[in-house]
Amino acid sequence: MECRANCGACCIVPSISSRLPKMPEGKPGGVPCPHLTADYKCDIFNSPERPGVCEGFMPEPTFCGHTRSEAVEILAQLQGLSEWKHL
């Protein structure tokens, strides 16, 4: 499976405890990564600054579902976010 165009669920929903450029303390769940572009792409995708946790996250139906809204719902439930519909 390849990343779905215009999704970005994995860059918004999960918390990231690793240091990120512009977020040295990591990223809370439900907060868009500051490197997520308007078209839901990562602007540091090919950069050595991209955290290993991001590089290691591979798209698969278990986490991504069949649509962006399914991906958000699945990841939000795994993250324990109760207010996921606005993501």
PDB file of N, CA and C in Angstrom:
ATOM      1  N   MET A   1       0.854  -1.184   0.000  1.00  0.00           N
ATOM      2  CA  MET A   1       0.000   0.000   0.000  1.00  0.00           C
ATOM      3  C   MET A   1       0.892   1.238   0.000  1.00  0.00           C
ATOM      4  N   GLU A   2       0.473   2.252  -0.742  1.00  0.00           N
ATOM      5  CA  GLU A   2       1.180   3.523  -0.753  1.00  0.00           C
ATOM      6  C   GLU A   2       0.348   4.565  -0.017  1.00  0.00           C
ATOM      7  N   CYS A   3       0.999   5.629   0.418  1.00  0.00           N
ATOM      8  CA  CYS A   3       0.280   6.705   1.098  1.00  0.00           C
ATOM      9  C   CYS A   3      -0.826   7.238   0.201  1.00  0.00           C
ATOM     10  N   ARG A   4      -1.957   7.504   0.804  1.00  0.00           N
ATOM     11  CA  ARG A   4      -3.115   8.055   0.112  1.00  0.00           C
ATOM     12  C   ARG A   4      -2.895   9.556  -0.105  1.00  0.00           C
ATOM     13  N   ALA A   5      -3.163  10.029  -1.283  1.00  0.00           N
ATOM     14  CA  ALA A   5      -3.039  11.460  -1.563  1.00  0.00           C
ATOM     15  C   ALA A   5      -4.032  12.243  -0.706  1.00  0.00           C
ATOM     16  N   ASN A   6      -3.619  13.411  -0.249  1.00  0.00           N
ATOM     17  CA  ASN A   6      -4.466  14.310   0.541  1.00  0.00           C
ATOM     18  C   ASN A   6      -5.002  13.668   1.816  1.00  0.00           C
ATOM     19  N   CYS A   7      -4.187  12.904   2.497  1.00  0.00           N
ATOM     20  CA  CYS A   7      -4.614  12.255   3.740  1.00  0.00           C
ATOM     21  C   CYS A   7      -3.952  12.922   4.941  1.00  0.00           C
ATOM     22  N   GLY A   8      -2.711  12.606   5.214  1.00  0.00           N
ATOM     23  CA  GLY A   8      -1.981  13.216   6.320  1.00  0.00           C
ATOM     24  C   GLY A   8      -2.429  12.794   7.703  1.00  0.00           C
ATOM     25  N   ALA A   9      -3.283  11.773   7.805  1.00  0.00           N
ATOM     26  CA  ALA A   9      -3.786  11.341   9.118  1.00  0.00           C
ATOM     27  C   ALA A   9      -2.641  10.977  10.062  1.00  0.00           C
ATOM     28  N   CYS A  10      -1.620  10.321   9.555  1.00  0.00           N
ATOM     29  CA  CYS A  10      -0.501   9.903  10.405  1.00  0.00           C
ATOM     30  C   CYS A  10       0.373  11.081  10.833  1.00  0.00           C
ATOM     31  N   CYS A  11       0.184  12.246  10.207  1.00  0.00           N
ATOM     32  CA  CYS A  11       0.930  13.446  10.566  1.00  0.00           C
ATOM     33  C   CYS A  11       0.125  14.373  11.472  1.00  0.00           C
ATOM     34  N   ILE A  12      -1.104  13.973  11.768  1.00  0.00           N
ATOM     35  CA  ILE A  12      -1.977  14.783  12.610  1.00  0.00           C
ATOM     36  C   ILE A  12      -2.370  14.033  13.879  1.00  0.00           C
ATOM     37  N   VAL A  13      -2.858  12.824  13.735  1.00  0.00           N
ATOM     38  CA  VAL A  13      -3.486  12.118  14.849  1.00  0.00           C
ATOM     39  C   VAL A  13      -2.499  11.613  15.908  1.00  0.00           C
ATOM     40  N   PRO A  14      -1.485  10.855  15.553  1.00  0.00           N
ATOM     41  CA  PRO A  14      -0.623  10.282  16.600  1.00  0.00           C
ATOM     42  C   PRO A  14       0.250  11.319  17.309  1.00  0.00           C
ATOM     43  N   SER A  15       0.526  11.043  18.565  1.00  0.00           N
ATOM     44  CA  SER A  15       1.530  11.839  19.265  1.00  0.00           C
ATOM     45  C   SER A  15       2.897  11.316  18.844  1.00  0.00           C
ATOM     46  N   ILE A  16       3.878  12.190  18.873  1.00  0.00           N
ATOM     47  CA  ILE A  16       5.255  11.814  18.549  1.00  0.00           C
ATOM     48  C   ILE A  16       6.119  12.301  19.698  1.00  0.00           C
ATOM     49  N   SER A  17       6.732  11.375  20.391  1.00  0.00           N
ATOM     50  CA  SER A  17       7.560  11.757  21.533  1.00  0.00           C
ATOM     51  C   SER A  17       8.969  12.167  21.112  1.00  0.00           C
ATOM     52  N   SER A  18       9.343  11.825  19.888  1.00  0.00           N
ATOM     53  CA  SER A  18      10.666  12.196  19.376  1.00  0.00           C
ATOM     54  C   SER A  18      10.730  13.687  19.093  1.00  0.00           C
ATOM     55  N   ARG A  19      11.940  14.214  19.168  1.00  0.00           N
ATOM     56  CA  ARG A  19      12.187  15.618  18.824  1.00  0.00           C
ATOM     57  C   ARG A  19      11.901  15.819  17.345  1.00  0.00           C
ATOM     58  N   LEU A  20      11.191  16.890  17.050  1.00  0.00           N
ATOM     59  CA  LEU A  20      10.918  17.278  15.670  1.00  0.00           C
ATOM     60  C   LEU A  20      11.491  18.671  15.434  1.00  0.00           C
ATOM     61  N   PRO A  21      11.951  18.969  14.222  1.00  0.00           N
ATOM     62  CA  PRO A  21      12.291  20.345  13.939  1.00  0.00           C
ATOM     63  C   PRO A  21      11.044  21.202  14.172  1.00  0.00           C
ATOM     64  N   LYS A  22      11.184  22.295  14.849  1.00  0.00           N
ATOM     65  CA  LYS A  22      10.111  23.221  15.229  1.00  0.00           C
ATOM     66  C   LYS A  22       9.279  22.725  16.417  1.00  0.00           C
ATOM     67  N   MET A  23       9.488  21.488  16.865  1.00  0.00           N
ATOM     68  CA  MET A  23       8.787  20.945  18.034  1.00  0.00           C
ATOM     69  C   MET A  23       9.785  20.087  18.828  1.00  0.00           C
ATOM     70  N   PRO A  24      10.695  20.712  19.540  1.00  0.00           N
ATOM     71  CA  PRO A  24      11.735  19.956  20.227  1.00  0.00           C
ATOM     72  C   PRO A  24      11.217  19.017  21.320  1.00  0.00           C
ATOM     73  N   GLU A  25      10.017  19.260  21.830  1.00  0.00           N
ATOM     74  CA  GLU A  25       9.443  18.393  22.859  1.00  0.00           C
ATOM     75  C   GLU A  25       8.554  17.300  22.271  1.00  0.00           C
ATOM     76  N   GLY A  26       8.476  17.219  20.954  1.00  0.00           N
ATOM     77  CA  GLY A  26       7.596  16.253  20.310  1.00  0.00           C
ATOM     78  C   GLY A  26       6.268  16.887  19.942  1.00  0.00           C
ATOM     79  N   LYS A  27       5.345  16.052  19.465  1.00  0.00           N
ATOM     80  CA  LYS A  27       4.052  16.524  18.979  1.00  0.00           C
ATOM     81  C   LYS A  27       2.926  15.817  19.711  1.00  0.00           C
ATOM     82  N   PRO A  28       1.995  16.575  20.290  1.00  0.00           N
ATOM     83  CA  PRO A  28       0.845  15.942  20.928  1.00  0.00           C
ATOM     84  C   PRO A  28      -0.106  15.317  19.902  1.00  0.00           C
ATOM     85  N   GLY A  29      -0.843  14.323  20.308  1.00  0.00           N
ATOM     86  CA  GLY A  29      -1.835  13.709  19.438  1.00  0.00           C
ATOM     87  C   GLY A  29      -2.917  14.709  19.060  1.00  0.00           C
ATOM     88  N   GLY A  30      -3.364  14.635  17.826  1.00  0.00           N
ATOM     89  CA  GLY A  30      -4.419  15.515  17.340  1.00  0.00           C
ATOM     90  C   GLY A  30      -3.940  16.868  16.865  1.00  0.00           C
ATOM     91  N   VAL A  31      -2.643  17.110  16.948  1.00  0.00           N
ATOM     92  CA  VAL A  31      -2.056  18.385  16.516  1.00  0.00           C
ATOM     93  C   VAL A  31      -1.296  18.137  15.209  1.00  0.00           C
ATOM     94  N   PRO A  32      -1.599  18.897  14.164  1.00  0.00           N
ATOM     95  CA  PRO A  32      -0.866  18.699  12.916  1.00  0.00           C
ATOM     96  C   PRO A  32       0.626  18.976  13.085  1.00  0.00           C
ATOM     97  N   CYS A  33       1.423  18.155  12.460  1.00  0.00           N
ATOM     98  CA  CYS A  33       2.864  18.374  12.447  1.00  0.00           C
ATOM     99  C   CYS A  33       3.135  19.701  11.737  1.00  0.00           C
ATOM    100  N   PRO A  34       4.084  20.488  12.233  1.00  0.00           N
ATOM    101  CA  PRO A  34       4.375  21.770  11.570  1.00  0.00           C
ATOM    102  C   PRO A  34       4.984  21.591  10.181  1.00  0.00           C
ATOM    103  N   HIS A  35       5.337  20.378   9.823  1.00  0.00           N
ATOM    104  CA  HIS A  35       5.936  20.107   8.515  1.00  0.00           C
ATOM    105  C   HIS A  35       4.921  19.558   7.521  1.00  0.00           C
ATOM    106  N   LEU A  36       3.662  19.508   7.922  1.00  0.00           N
ATOM    107  CA  LEU A  36       2.600  19.050   7.038  1.00  0.00           C
ATOM    108  C   LEU A  36       2.165  20.218   6.151  1.00  0.00           C
ATOM    109  N   THR A  37       2.221  20.000   4.856  1.00  0.00           N
ATOM    110  CA  THR A  37       1.872  21.061   3.913  1.00  0.00           C
ATOM    111  C   THR A  37       0.357  21.121   3.701  1.00  0.00           C
ATOM    112  N   ALA A  38      -0.099  22.145   3.011  1.00  0.00           N
ATOM    113  CA  ALA A  38      -1.533  22.326   2.759  1.00  0.00           C
ATOM    114  C   ALA A  38      -2.132  21.161   1.975  1.00  0.00           C
ATOM    115  N   ASP A  39      -1.305  20.483   1.176  1.00  0.00           N
ATOM    116  CA  ASP A  39      -1.806  19.326   0.423  1.00  0.00           C
ATOM    117  C   ASP A  39      -1.454  18.002   1.118  1.00  0.00           C
ATOM    118  N   TYR A  40      -1.235  18.087   2.438  1.00  0.00           N
ATOM    119  CA  TYR A  40      -1.010  16.916   3.307  1.00  0.00           C
ATOM    120  C   TYR A  40       0.232  16.108   2.940  1.00  0.00           C
ATOM    121  N   LYS A  41       1.283  16.787   2.566  1.00  0.00           N
ATOM    122  CA  LYS A  41       2.570  16.140   2.325  1.00  0.00           C
ATOM    123  C   LYS A  41       3.554  16.627   3.375  1.00  0.00           C
ATOM    124  N   CYS A  42       4.622  15.887   3.556  1.00  0.00           N
ATOM    125  CA  CYS A  42       5.647  16.225   4.539  1.00  0.00           C
ATOM    126  C   CYS A  42       6.747  17.047   3.855  1.00  0.00           C
ATOM    127  N   ASP A  43       6.979  18.255   4.377  1.00  0.00           N
ATOM    128  CA  ASP A  43       8.003  19.083   3.737  1.00  0.00           C
ATOM    129  C   ASP A  43       9.425  18.716   4.153  1.00  0.00           C
ATOM    130  N   ILE A  44       9.578  17.753   5.068  1.00  0.00           N
ATOM    131  CA  ILE A  44      10.923  17.257   5.410  1.00  0.00           C
ATOM    132  C   ILE A  44      11.042  15.767   5.087  1.00  0.00           C
ATOM    133  N   PHE A  45      10.201  15.275   4.177  1.00  0.00           N
ATOM    134  CA  PHE A  45      10.154  13.843   3.860  1.00  0.00           C
ATOM    135  C   PHE A  45      11.521  13.273   3.492  1.00  0.00           C
ATOM    136  N   ASN A  46      12.272  13.934   2.670  1.00  0.00           N
ATOM    137  CA  ASN A  46      13.584  13.436   2.240  1.00  0.00           C
ATOM    138  C   ASN A  46      14.744  14.075   3.002  1.00  0.00           C
ATOM    139  N   SER A  47      14.444  14.674   4.129  1.00  0.00           N
ATOM    140  CA  SER A  47      15.459  15.366   4.916  1.00  0.00           C
ATOM    141  C   SER A  47      15.995  14.468   6.027  1.00  0.00           C
ATOM    142  N   PRO A  48      17.268  14.632   6.383  1.00  0.00           N
ATOM    143  CA  PRO A  48      17.796  13.883   7.528  1.00  0.00           C
ATOM    144  C   PRO A  48      17.171  14.345   8.851  1.00  0.00           C
ATOM    145  N   GLU A  49      16.452  15.466   8.839  1.00  0.00           N
ATOM    146  CA  GLU A  49      15.780  15.946  10.045  1.00  0.00           C
ATOM    147  C   GLU A  49      14.483  15.187  10.334  1.00  0.00           C
ATOM    148  N   ARG A  50      13.998  14.454   9.361  1.00  0.00           N
ATOM    149  CA  ARG A  50      12.756  13.687   9.548  1.00  0.00           C
ATOM    150  C   ARG A  50      12.993  12.618  10.618  1.00  0.00           C
ATOM    151  N   PRO A  51      12.140  12.595  11.641  1.00  0.00           N
ATOM    152  CA  PRO A  51      12.332  11.628  12.728  1.00  0.00           C
ATOM    153  C   PRO A  51      12.202  10.176  12.256  1.00  0.00           C
ATOM    154  N   GLY A  52      12.958   9.325  12.881  1.00  0.00           N
ATOM    155  CA  GLY A  52      12.925   7.902  12.553  1.00  0.00           C
ATOM    156  C   GLY A  52      11.547   7.290  12.723  1.00  0.00           C
ATOM    157  N   VAL A  53      10.795   7.760  13.711  1.00  0.00           N
ATOM    158  CA  VAL A  53       9.456   7.225  13.929  1.00  0.00           C
ATOM    159  C   VAL A  53       8.567   7.504  12.719  1.00  0.00           C
ATOM    160  N   CYS A  54       8.744   8.641  12.099  1.00  0.00           N
ATOM    161  CA  CYS A  54       7.964   8.976  10.903  1.00  0.00           C
ATOM    162  C   CYS A  54       8.420   8.119   9.730  1.00  0.00           C
ATOM    163  N   GLU A  55       9.712   7.981   9.588  1.00  0.00           N
ATOM    164  CA  GLU A  55      10.261   7.192   8.496  1.00  0.00           C
ATOM    165  C   GLU A  55       9.848   5.728   8.603  1.00  0.00           C
ATOM    166  N   GLY A  56       9.730   5.234   9.830  1.00  0.00           N
ATOM    167  CA  GLY A  56       9.377   3.835  10.047  1.00  0.00           C
ATOM    168  C   GLY A  56       7.902   3.529   9.932  1.00  0.00           C
ATOM    169  N   PHE A  57       7.047   4.557   9.936  1.00  0.00           N
ATOM    170  CA  PHE A  57       5.606   4.329   9.847  1.00  0.00           C
ATOM    171  C   PHE A  57       5.242   4.084   8.392  1.00  0.00           C
ATOM    172  N   MET A  58       4.785   2.871   8.110  1.00  0.00           N
ATOM    173  CA  MET A  58       4.445   2.512   6.737  1.00  0.00           C
ATOM    174  C   MET A  58       2.934   2.384   6.598  1.00  0.00           C
ATOM    175  N   PRO A  59       2.380   2.860   5.488  1.00  0.00           N
ATOM    176  CA  PRO A  59       0.935   2.746   5.293  1.00  0.00           C
ATOM    177  C   PRO A  59       0.514   1.290   5.145  1.00  0.00           C
ATOM    178  N   GLU A  60      -0.573   0.955   5.819  1.00  0.00           N
ATOM    179  CA  GLU A  60      -1.154  -0.378   5.685  1.00  0.00           C
ATOM    180  C   GLU A  60      -2.628  -0.289   6.053  1.00  0.00           C
ATOM    181  N   PRO A  61      -3.455  -1.145   5.480  1.00  0.00           N
ATOM    182  CA  PRO A  61      -4.896  -1.069   5.704  1.00  0.00           C
ATOM    183  C   PRO A  61      -5.309  -1.108   7.178  1.00  0.00           C
ATOM    184  N   THR A  62      -4.554  -1.793   8.005  1.00  0.00           N
ATOM    185  CA  THR A  62      -4.890  -1.880   9.425  1.00  0.00           C
ATOM    186  C   THR A  62      -4.969  -0.503  10.061  1.00  0.00           C
ATOM    187  N   PHE A  63      -4.084   0.401   9.688  1.00  0.00           N
ATOM    188  CA  PHE A  63      -4.045   1.742  10.254  1.00  0.00           C
ATOM    189  C   PHE A  63      -4.685   2.787   9.339  1.00  0.00           C
ATOM    190  N   CYS A  64      -4.635   2.563   8.049  1.00  0.00           N
ATOM    191  CA  CYS A  64      -5.077   3.574   7.091  1.00  0.00           C
ATOM    192  C   CYS A  64      -6.502   3.373   6.589  1.00  0.00           C
ATOM    193  N   GLY A  65      -7.070   2.202   6.807  1.00  0.00           N
ATOM    194  CA  GLY A  65      -8.414   1.942   6.315  1.00  0.00           C
ATOM    195  C   GLY A  65      -8.488   2.114   4.806  1.00  0.00           C
ATOM    196  N   HIS A  66      -9.679   2.503   4.343  1.00  0.00           N
ATOM    197  CA  HIS A  66      -9.885   2.665   2.898  1.00  0.00           C
ATOM    198  C   HIS A  66     -10.069   4.121   2.493  1.00  0.00           C
ATOM    199  N   THR A  67     -10.206   5.003   3.486  1.00  0.00           N
ATOM    200  CA  THR A  67     -10.399   6.426   3.202  1.00  0.00           C
ATOM    201  C   THR A  67      -9.646   7.241   4.255  1.00  0.00           C
ATOM    202  N   ARG A  68      -9.496   8.534   4.011  1.00  0.00           N
ATOM    203  CA  ARG A  68      -8.857   9.411   4.995  1.00  0.00           C
ATOM    204  C   ARG A  68      -9.646   9.413   6.297  1.00  0.00           C
ATOM    205  N   SER A  69     -10.970   9.474   6.215  1.00  0.00           N
ATOM    206  CA  SER A  69     -11.774   9.516   7.442  1.00  0.00           C
ATOM    207  C   SER A  69     -11.632   8.222   8.239  1.00  0.00           C
ATOM    208  N   GLU A  70     -11.514   7.092   7.568  1.00  0.00           N
ATOM    209  CA  GLU A  70     -11.265   5.830   8.276  1.00  0.00           C
ATOM    210  C   GLU A  70      -9.901   5.861   8.948  1.00  0.00           C
ATOM    211  N   ALA A  71      -8.904   6.377   8.263  1.00  0.00           N
ATOM    212  CA  ALA A  71      -7.562   6.467   8.847  1.00  0.00           C
ATOM    213  C   ALA A  71      -7.573   7.332  10.096  1.00  0.00           C
ATOM    214  N   VAL A  72      -8.245   8.473  10.022  1.00  0.00           N
ATOM    215  CA  VAL A  72      -8.335   9.365  11.183  1.00  0.00           C
ATOM    216  C   VAL A  72      -9.032   8.652  12.336  1.00  0.00           C
ATOM    217  N   GLU A  73     -10.131   7.975  12.040  1.00  0.00           N
ATOM    218  CA  GLU A  73     -10.882   7.273  13.088  1.00  0.00           C
ATOM    219  C   GLU A  73     -10.055   6.161  13.730  1.00  0.00           C
ATOM    220  N   ILE A  74      -9.412   5.344  12.924  1.00  0.00           N
ATOM    221  CA  ILE A  74      -8.593   4.235  13.442  1.00  0.00           C
ATOM    222  C   ILE A  74      -7.458   4.772  14.306  1.00  0.00           C
ATOM    223  N   LEU A  75      -6.711   5.726  13.782  1.00  0.00           N
ATOM    224  CA  LEU A  75      -5.566   6.266  14.518  1.00  0.00           C
ATOM    225  C   LEU A  75      -6.007   7.007  15.776  1.00  0.00           C
ATOM    226  N   ALA A  76      -7.124   7.717  15.706  1.00  0.00           N
ATOM    227  CA  ALA A  76      -7.622   8.427  16.885  1.00  0.00           C
ATOM    228  C   ALA A  76      -8.029   7.452  17.984  1.00  0.00           C
ATOM    229  N   GLN A  77      -8.665   6.362  17.607  1.00  0.00           N
ATOM    230  CA  GLN A  77      -9.035   5.354  18.602  1.00  0.00           C
ATOM    231  C   GLN A  77      -7.794   4.741  19.232  1.00  0.00           C
ATOM    232  N   LEU A  78      -6.789   4.440  18.424  1.00  0.00           N
ATOM    233  CA  LEU A  78      -5.535   3.886  18.954  1.00  0.00           C
ATOM    234  C   LEU A  78      -4.821   4.893  19.856  1.00  0.00           C
ATOM    235  N   GLN A  79      -4.936   6.162  19.511  1.00  0.00           N
ATOM    236  CA  GLN A  79      -4.297   7.222  20.283  1.00  0.00           C
ATOM    237  C   GLN A  79      -5.087   7.558  21.548  1.00  0.00           C
ATOM    238  N   GLY A  80      -6.350   7.148  21.601  1.00  0.00           N
ATOM    239  CA  GLY A  80      -7.190   7.452  22.755  1.00  0.00           C
ATOM    240  C   GLY A  80      -7.784   8.835  22.704  1.00  0.00           C
ATOM    241  N   LEU A  81      -7.924   9.392  21.503  1.00  0.00           N
ATOM    242  CA  LEU A  81      -8.503  10.718  21.345  1.00  0.00           C
ATOM    243  C   LEU A  81     -10.018  10.595  21.236  1.00  0.00           C
ATOM    244  N   SER A  82     -10.715  11.306  22.081  1.00  0.00           N
ATOM    245  CA  SER A  82     -12.171  11.243  22.046  1.00  0.00           C
ATOM    246  C   SER A  82     -12.768  12.258  21.087  1.00  0.00           C
ATOM    247  N   GLU A  83     -12.060  13.332  20.823  1.00  0.00           N
ATOM    248  CA  GLU A  83     -12.547  14.384  19.919  1.00  0.00           C
ATOM    249  C   GLU A  83     -11.812  14.294  18.586  1.00  0.00           C
ATOM    250  N   TRP A  84     -12.091  13.270  17.814  1.00  0.00           N
ATOM    251  CA  TRP A  84     -11.349  13.068  16.581  1.00  0.00           C
ATOM    252  C   TRP A  84     -12.073  13.589  15.357  1.00  0.00           C
ATOM    253  N   LYS A  85     -13.363  13.823  15.420  1.00  0.00           N
ATOM    254  CA  LYS A  85     -14.115  14.177  14.222  1.00  0.00           C
ATOM    255  C   LYS A  85     -13.688  15.506  13.607  1.00  0.00           C
ATOM    256  N   HIS A  86     -13.054  16.372  14.404  1.00  0.00           N
ATOM    257  CA  HIS A  86     -12.612  17.661  13.865  1.00  0.00           C
ATOM    258  C   HIS A  86     -11.244  17.597  13.216  1.00  0.00           C
ATOM    259  N   LEU A  87     -10.587  16.463  13.262  1.00  0.00           N
ATOM    260  CA  LEU A  87      -9.230  16.357  12.723  1.00  0.00           C
ATOM    261  C   LEU A  87      -9.234  16.266  11.208  1.00  0.00           C
TER     262      LEU A  87
END
